């Protein structure tokens, strides 16, 4: 379990296909305090540490995870938002994030508003019913608040604001139209949606 508060930006140093996709991710974490088998969210995807060094860790990304995440995000040189798993007693500064991607969104518009950046994102039917104004959403693992929602015939258009601090602490600083983002809907919305589905 995570909070959607990014604690480090990692960079993919190497990618090797060996059944699953093995990634070596460089980071600034004190890896002496990270056990093999620990979970780290990588741009919103919960992955398991399978090897490590002083300033890097390795993960295996299954074909299922590759298929369900934003295209191109697992390429060498890519920057990833990193968050270590929540510990009991840690501050819950964002919202409850599981590290499971529900869909992919595409940035449609980028607008500077005051000191912040307003992103307009279009996503498909699979996430549309779960996105609500003033609700929580995780984009590439970053906890954000939905400010506007517009239903589309084949999905949803929604807007969020990124404050300068969030931009500096994540890989959302140089975002441009056309970029694909991993979306995780709010966990409460996911369960409420399932309950409503079973009632029908």
C-alpha atoms as a PDB file:
ATOM      1  CA  UNK A   1       0.000   0.000   0.000  1.00  0.00           C
ATOM      2  CA  UNK A   2       1.174   3.511  -0.872  1.00  0.00           C
ATOM      3  CA  UNK A   3       0.111   7.141  -0.471  1.00  0.00           C
ATOM      4  CA  UNK A   4       0.843   8.623  -3.894  1.00  0.00           C
ATOM      5  CA  UNK A   5       3.524  10.909  -2.431  1.00  0.00           C
ATOM      6  CA  UNK A   6       6.655  10.477  -4.569  1.00  0.00           C
ATOM      7  CA  UNK A   7       9.847  10.167  -2.511  1.00  0.00           C
ATOM      8  CA  UNK A   8      12.433   9.718  -5.278  1.00  0.00           C
ATOM      9  CA  UNK A   9      12.789   9.884  -9.051  1.00  0.00           C
ATOM     10  CA  UNK A  10      14.492   6.802 -10.452  1.00  0.00           C
ATOM     11  CA  UNK A  11      15.957   6.193 -13.884  1.00  0.00           C
ATOM     12  CA  UNK A  12      15.919   2.906 -15.783  1.00  0.00           C
ATOM     13  CA  UNK A  13      19.572   2.021 -16.327  1.00  0.00           C
ATOM     14  CA  UNK A  14      19.026  -1.275 -18.127  1.00  0.00           C
ATOM     15  CA  UNK A  15      16.183  -3.450 -19.415  1.00  0.00           C
ATOM     16  CA  UNK A  16      16.567  -7.117 -20.297  1.00  0.00           C
ATOM     17  CA  UNK A  17      13.906  -9.489 -21.577  1.00  0.00           C
ATOM     18  CA  UNK A  18      14.302 -12.813 -19.743  1.00  0.00           C
ATOM     19  CA  UNK A  19      10.800 -14.266 -19.637  1.00  0.00           C
ATOM     20  CA  UNK A  20       9.647 -11.231 -17.688  1.00  0.00           C
ATOM     21  CA  UNK A  21      11.222  -7.830 -18.255  1.00  0.00           C
ATOM     22  CA  UNK A  22      14.112  -7.310 -15.784  1.00  0.00           C
ATOM     23  CA  UNK A  23      14.764  -3.639 -15.042  1.00  0.00           C
ATOM     24  CA  UNK A  24      17.682  -2.088 -13.203  1.00  0.00           C
ATOM     25  CA  UNK A  25      16.589   1.230 -11.703  1.00  0.00           C
ATOM     26  CA  UNK A  26      19.051   3.784 -10.394  1.00  0.00           C
ATOM     27  CA  UNK A  27      17.884   5.780  -7.374  1.00  0.00           C
ATOM     28  CA  UNK A  28      18.948   7.825  -4.374  1.00  0.00           C
ATOM     29  CA  UNK A  29      17.453   5.522  -1.743  1.00  0.00           C
ATOM     30  CA  UNK A  30      19.665   4.115   0.993  1.00  0.00           C
ATOM     31  CA  UNK A  31      19.415   0.581  -0.359  1.00  0.00           C
ATOM     32  CA  UNK A  32      20.895  -0.894   2.815  1.00  0.00           C
ATOM     33  CA  UNK A  33      17.471  -0.287   4.344  1.00  0.00           C
ATOM     34  CA  UNK A  34      15.550  -1.924   1.495  1.00  0.00           C
ATOM     35  CA  UNK A  35      15.106  -5.677   1.799  1.00  0.00           C
ATOM     36  CA  UNK A  36      14.895  -8.076  -1.135  1.00  0.00           C
ATOM     37  CA  UNK A  37      11.189  -8.754  -1.603  1.00  0.00           C
ATOM     38  CA  UNK A  38      10.203  -5.211  -0.611  1.00  0.00           C
ATOM     39  CA  UNK A  39       7.582  -3.388  -2.678  1.00  0.00           C
ATOM     40  CA  UNK A  40       8.364  -0.132  -4.461  1.00  0.00           C
ATOM     41  CA  UNK A  41       5.802   1.720  -6.575  1.00  0.00           C
ATOM     42  CA  UNK A  42       7.357   2.657  -9.924  1.00  0.00           C
ATOM     43  CA  UNK A  43       5.238   5.330 -11.635  1.00  0.00           C
ATOM     44  CA  UNK A  44       2.184   3.822 -10.013  1.00  0.00           C
ATOM     45  CA  UNK A  45       3.050   0.140 -10.488  1.00  0.00           C
ATOM     46  CA  UNK A  46       3.765  -1.956  -7.399  1.00  0.00           C
ATOM     47  CA  UNK A  47       6.912  -3.991  -8.118  1.00  0.00           C
ATOM     48  CA  UNK A  48       9.079  -6.312  -6.020  1.00  0.00           C
ATOM     49  CA  UNK A  49      12.787  -5.714  -5.404  1.00  0.00           C
ATOM     50  CA  UNK A  50      14.590  -8.849  -6.666  1.00  0.00           C
ATOM     51  CA  UNK A  51      18.185  -7.580  -6.582  1.00  0.00           C
ATOM     52  CA  UNK A  52      19.950  -4.429  -5.409  1.00  0.00           C
ATOM     53  CA  UNK A  53      23.200  -2.505  -5.125  1.00  0.00           C
ATOM     54  CA  UNK A  54      24.278   0.658  -3.322  1.00  0.00           C
ATOM     55  CA  UNK A  55      22.347   3.005  -5.614  1.00  0.00           C
ATOM     56  CA  UNK A  56      20.082   0.742  -7.668  1.00  0.00           C
ATOM     57  CA  UNK A  57      17.499  -1.998  -7.443  1.00  0.00           C
ATOM     58  CA  UNK A  58      16.133  -4.533  -9.907  1.00  0.00           C
ATOM     59  CA  UNK A  59      12.537  -5.591 -10.535  1.00  0.00           C
ATOM     60  CA  UNK A  60      10.796  -8.044 -12.829  1.00  0.00           C
ATOM     61  CA  UNK A  61       7.870  -6.601 -14.790  1.00  0.00           C
ATOM     62  CA  UNK A  62       5.432  -9.253 -16.033  1.00  0.00           C
ATOM     63  CA  UNK A  63       3.962  -9.218 -19.532  1.00  0.00           C
ATOM     64  CA  UNK A  64       0.596  -8.412 -17.907  1.00  0.00           C
ATOM     65  CA  UNK A  65       2.044  -5.293 -16.253  1.00  0.00           C
ATOM     66  CA  UNK A  66       3.749  -4.183 -19.466  1.00  0.00           C
ATOM     67  CA  UNK A  67       0.479  -4.594 -21.397  1.00  0.00           C
ATOM     68  CA  UNK A  68      -1.541  -2.604 -18.849  1.00  0.00           C
ATOM     69  CA  UNK A  69       0.808   0.352 -18.413  1.00  0.00           C
ATOM     70  CA  UNK A  70       1.672   3.416 -20.464  1.00  0.00           C
ATOM     71  CA  UNK A  71       3.577   2.537 -23.631  1.00  0.00           C
ATOM     72  CA  UNK A  72       7.297   3.314 -23.616  1.00  0.00           C
ATOM     73  CA  UNK A  73       7.559   3.789 -19.859  1.00  0.00           C
ATOM     74  CA  UNK A  74       9.853   0.780 -19.348  1.00  0.00           C
ATOM     75  CA  UNK A  75      12.576   1.899 -21.792  1.00  0.00           C
ATOM     76  CA  UNK A  76      16.172   2.532 -20.673  1.00  0.00           C
ATOM     77  CA  UNK A  77      16.622   6.169 -19.658  1.00  0.00           C
ATOM     78  CA  UNK A  78      12.973   6.607 -18.639  1.00  0.00           C
ATOM     79  CA  UNK A  79      12.362   8.485 -15.381  1.00  0.00           C
ATOM     80  CA  UNK A  80      10.067   6.806 -12.861  1.00  0.00           C
ATOM     81  CA  UNK A  81       8.235   8.199  -9.841  1.00  0.00           C
ATOM     82  CA  UNK A  82       9.259   6.035  -6.876  1.00  0.00           C
ATOM     83  CA  UNK A  83       7.561   5.445  -3.542  1.00  0.00           C
ATOM     84  CA  UNK A  84       8.431   2.857  -0.927  1.00  0.00           C
ATOM     85  CA  UNK A  85       5.596   0.925   0.697  1.00  0.00           C
ATOM     86  CA  UNK A  86       3.716   2.566   3.547  1.00  0.00           C
ATOM     87  CA  UNK A  87       4.649   1.497   7.073  1.00  0.00           C
ATOM     88  CA  UNK A  88       2.227   1.457   9.990  1.00  0.00           C
ATOM     89  CA  UNK A  89       2.534   4.858  11.655  1.00  0.00           C
ATOM     90  CA  UNK A  90       3.648   6.705   8.500  1.00  0.00           C
ATOM     91  CA  UNK A  91       1.849   9.933   7.584  1.00  0.00           C
ATOM     92  CA  UNK A  92      -0.884   9.368   4.996  1.00  0.00           C
ATOM     93  CA  UNK A  93      -0.266  12.585   3.078  1.00  0.00           C
ATOM     94  CA  UNK A  94      -1.948  11.654  -0.199  1.00  0.00           C
ATOM     95  CA  UNK A  95      -4.612   8.935  -0.423  1.00  0.00           C
ATOM     96  CA  UNK A  96      -4.663   5.143  -0.310  1.00  0.00           C
ATOM     97  CA  UNK A  97      -2.921   3.860  -3.448  1.00  0.00           C
ATOM     98  CA  UNK A  98      -2.508   0.156  -4.205  1.00  0.00           C
ATOM     99  CA  UNK A  99      -0.048   0.277  -7.107  1.00  0.00           C
ATOM    100  CA  UNK A 100      -2.477  -1.397  -9.541  1.00  0.00           C
ATOM    101  CA  UNK A 101      -3.088   0.397 -12.848  1.00  0.00           C
ATOM    102  CA  UNK A 102      -6.769   0.643 -13.852  1.00  0.00           C
ATOM    103  CA  UNK A 103      -6.321   2.367 -17.212  1.00  0.00           C
ATOM    104  CA  UNK A 104      -4.236   4.645 -19.386  1.00  0.00           C
ATOM    105  CA  UNK A 105      -4.927   8.330 -19.920  1.00  0.00           C
ATOM    106  CA  UNK A 106      -3.568  10.693 -22.553  1.00  0.00           C
ATOM    107  CA  UNK A 107      -2.661  14.302 -21.851  1.00  0.00           C
ATOM    108  CA  UNK A 108      -4.824  16.455 -24.100  1.00  0.00           C
ATOM    109  CA  UNK A 109      -3.917  19.895 -22.835  1.00  0.00           C
ATOM    110  CA  UNK A 110      -1.309  21.644 -20.695  1.00  0.00           C
ATOM    111  CA  UNK A 111      -2.040  25.146 -19.416  1.00  0.00           C
ATOM    112  CA  UNK A 112      -0.059  27.299 -17.005  1.00  0.00           C
ATOM    113  CA  UNK A 113      -2.452  28.775 -14.427  1.00  0.00           C
ATOM    114  CA  UNK A 114      -0.736  31.072 -11.939  1.00  0.00           C
ATOM    115  CA  UNK A 115       2.253  29.067 -10.725  1.00  0.00           C
ATOM    116  CA  UNK A 116       0.573  25.716 -11.326  1.00  0.00           C
ATOM    117  CA  UNK A 117       0.022  23.545 -14.378  1.00  0.00           C
ATOM    118  CA  UNK A 118      -3.481  22.466 -15.377  1.00  0.00           C
ATOM    119  CA  UNK A 119      -3.555  19.123 -17.189  1.00  0.00           C
ATOM    120  CA  UNK A 120      -6.536  17.969 -19.199  1.00  0.00           C
ATOM    121  CA  UNK A 121      -6.562  14.192 -19.640  1.00  0.00           C
ATOM    122  CA  UNK A 122      -8.740  11.886 -21.725  1.00  0.00           C
ATOM    123  CA  UNK A 123      -9.322   8.299 -20.620  1.00  0.00           C
ATOM    124  CA  UNK A 124     -11.528   5.373 -21.619  1.00  0.00           C
ATOM    125  CA  UNK A 125     -14.735   3.758 -20.428  1.00  0.00           C
ATOM    126  CA  UNK A 126     -12.898   1.437 -18.031  1.00  0.00           C
ATOM    127  CA  UNK A 127     -12.157   4.313 -15.637  1.00  0.00           C
ATOM    128  CA  UNK A 128     -14.827   6.880 -16.567  1.00  0.00           C
ATOM    129  CA  UNK A 129     -17.460   5.883 -13.950  1.00  0.00           C
ATOM    130  CA  UNK A 130     -14.910   6.125 -11.128  1.00  0.00           C
ATOM    131  CA  UNK A 131     -13.620   9.661 -11.692  1.00  0.00           C
ATOM    132  CA  UNK A 132     -15.431  12.380  -9.736  1.00  0.00           C
ATOM    133  CA  UNK A 133     -14.906  16.079  -9.150  1.00  0.00           C
ATOM    134  CA  UNK A 134     -12.858  16.622  -5.962  1.00  0.00           C
ATOM    135  CA  UNK A 135     -12.134  12.899  -5.836  1.00  0.00           C
ATOM    136  CA  UNK A 136      -8.647  11.414  -5.612  1.00  0.00           C
ATOM    137  CA  UNK A 137      -6.743   9.878  -8.504  1.00  0.00           C
ATOM    138  CA  UNK A 138      -3.181   8.626  -8.965  1.00  0.00           C
ATOM    139  CA  UNK A 139      -1.415   9.552 -12.216  1.00  0.00           C
ATOM    140  CA  UNK A 140       1.915   7.759 -12.706  1.00  0.00           C
ATOM    141  CA  UNK A 141       1.731   7.064  -8.966  1.00  0.00           C
ATOM    142  CA  UNK A 142       1.192  10.712  -7.941  1.00  0.00           C
ATOM    143  CA  UNK A 143      -1.783  11.447  -5.677  1.00  0.00           C
ATOM    144  CA  UNK A 144      -3.827  14.267  -7.214  1.00  0.00           C
ATOM    145  CA  UNK A 145      -7.287  15.840  -6.898  1.00  0.00           C
ATOM    146  CA  UNK A 146      -9.718  15.867  -9.816  1.00  0.00           C
ATOM    147  CA  UNK A 147     -10.982  19.413 -10.449  1.00  0.00           C
ATOM    148  CA  UNK A 148     -13.247  18.973 -13.480  1.00  0.00           C
ATOM    149  CA  UNK A 149     -14.971  16.010 -15.136  1.00  0.00           C
ATOM    150  CA  UNK A 150     -16.699  15.817 -18.516  1.00  0.00           C
ATOM    151  CA  UNK A 151     -18.358  12.648 -19.778  1.00  0.00           C
ATOM    152  CA  UNK A 152     -17.535  11.624 -23.349  1.00  0.00           C
ATOM    153  CA  UNK A 153     -19.322   9.115 -25.580  1.00  0.00           C
ATOM    154  CA  UNK A 154     -16.384   6.721 -25.236  1.00  0.00           C
ATOM    155  CA  UNK A 155     -14.787   7.758 -21.957  1.00  0.00           C
ATOM    156  CA  UNK A 156     -14.054  10.801 -19.856  1.00  0.00           C
ATOM    157  CA  UNK A 157     -12.137  14.080 -19.941  1.00  0.00           C
ATOM    158  CA  UNK A 158     -10.895  15.396 -16.608  1.00  0.00           C
ATOM    159  CA  UNK A 159      -8.597  18.100 -15.308  1.00  0.00           C
ATOM    160  CA  UNK A 160      -6.109  18.235 -12.443  1.00  0.00           C
ATOM    161  CA  UNK A 161      -3.648  20.874 -11.233  1.00  0.00           C
ATOM    162  CA  UNK A 162       0.015  20.208 -10.527  1.00  0.00           C
ATOM    163  CA  UNK A 163       1.603  22.637  -8.088  1.00  0.00           C
ATOM    164  CA  UNK A 164       5.305  23.514  -8.596  1.00  0.00           C
ATOM    165  CA  UNK A 165       6.446  21.326  -5.659  1.00  0.00           C
ATOM    166  CA  UNK A 166       4.750  18.251  -7.131  1.00  0.00           C
ATOM    167  CA  UNK A 167       6.235  18.974 -10.556  1.00  0.00           C
ATOM    168  CA  UNK A 168       9.745  19.265  -9.097  1.00  0.00           C
ATOM    169  CA  UNK A 169       9.433  16.079  -7.026  1.00  0.00           C
ATOM    170  CA  UNK A 170       8.070  13.882  -9.836  1.00  0.00           C
ATOM    171  CA  UNK A 171       8.451  13.128 -13.530  1.00  0.00           C
ATOM    172  CA  UNK A 172       5.457  15.386 -14.313  1.00  0.00           C
ATOM    173  CA  UNK A 173       7.647  18.502 -14.651  1.00  0.00           C
ATOM    174  CA  UNK A 174       8.070  18.475 -18.445  1.00  0.00           C
ATOM    175  CA  UNK A 175       4.726  17.008 -19.406  1.00  0.00           C
ATOM    176  CA  UNK A 176       3.334  17.645 -22.888  1.00  0.00           C
ATOM    177  CA  UNK A 177       0.177  16.801 -24.855  1.00  0.00           C
ATOM    178  CA  UNK A 178       0.170  13.234 -26.147  1.00  0.00           C
ATOM    179  CA  UNK A 179       1.940  11.752 -23.145  1.00  0.00           C
ATOM    180  CA  UNK A 180       0.355   8.596 -21.780  1.00  0.00           C
ATOM    181  CA  UNK A 181      -0.117   8.229 -18.014  1.00  0.00           C
ATOM    182  CA  UNK A 182      -0.934   5.305 -15.735  1.00  0.00           C
ATOM    183  CA  UNK A 183      -4.243   5.859 -13.945  1.00  0.00           C
ATOM    184  CA  UNK A 184      -5.248   4.304 -10.653  1.00  0.00           C
ATOM    185  CA  UNK A 185      -8.767   5.181  -9.562  1.00  0.00           C
ATOM    186  CA  UNK A 186      -9.601   5.760  -5.920  1.00  0.00           C
ATOM    187  CA  UNK A 187      -9.803   2.408  -4.129  1.00  0.00           C
ATOM    188  CA  UNK A 188     -13.143   3.306  -2.501  1.00  0.00           C
ATOM    189  CA  UNK A 189     -14.632   4.091  -5.918  1.00  0.00           C
ATOM    190  CA  UNK A 190     -13.404   0.727  -7.201  1.00  0.00           C
ATOM    191  CA  UNK A 191     -15.191  -1.209  -4.456  1.00  0.00           C
ATOM    192  CA  UNK A 192     -18.352   0.896  -4.641  1.00  0.00           C
ATOM    193  CA  UNK A 193     -18.445   0.300  -8.394  1.00  0.00           C
ATOM    194  CA  UNK A 194     -18.186  -3.451  -7.865  1.00  0.00           C
ATOM    195  CA  UNK A 195     -20.975  -3.385  -5.260  1.00  0.00           C
ATOM    196  CA  UNK A 196     -23.254  -1.473  -7.647  1.00  0.00           C
ATOM    197  CA  UNK A 197     -22.438  -3.931 -10.437  1.00  0.00           C
ATOM    198  CA  UNK A 198     -23.482  -6.879  -8.249  1.00  0.00           C
ATOM    199  CA  UNK A 199     -26.751  -5.149  -7.276  1.00  0.00           C
ATOM    200  CA  UNK A 200     -27.868  -4.814 -10.917  1.00  0.00           C
END
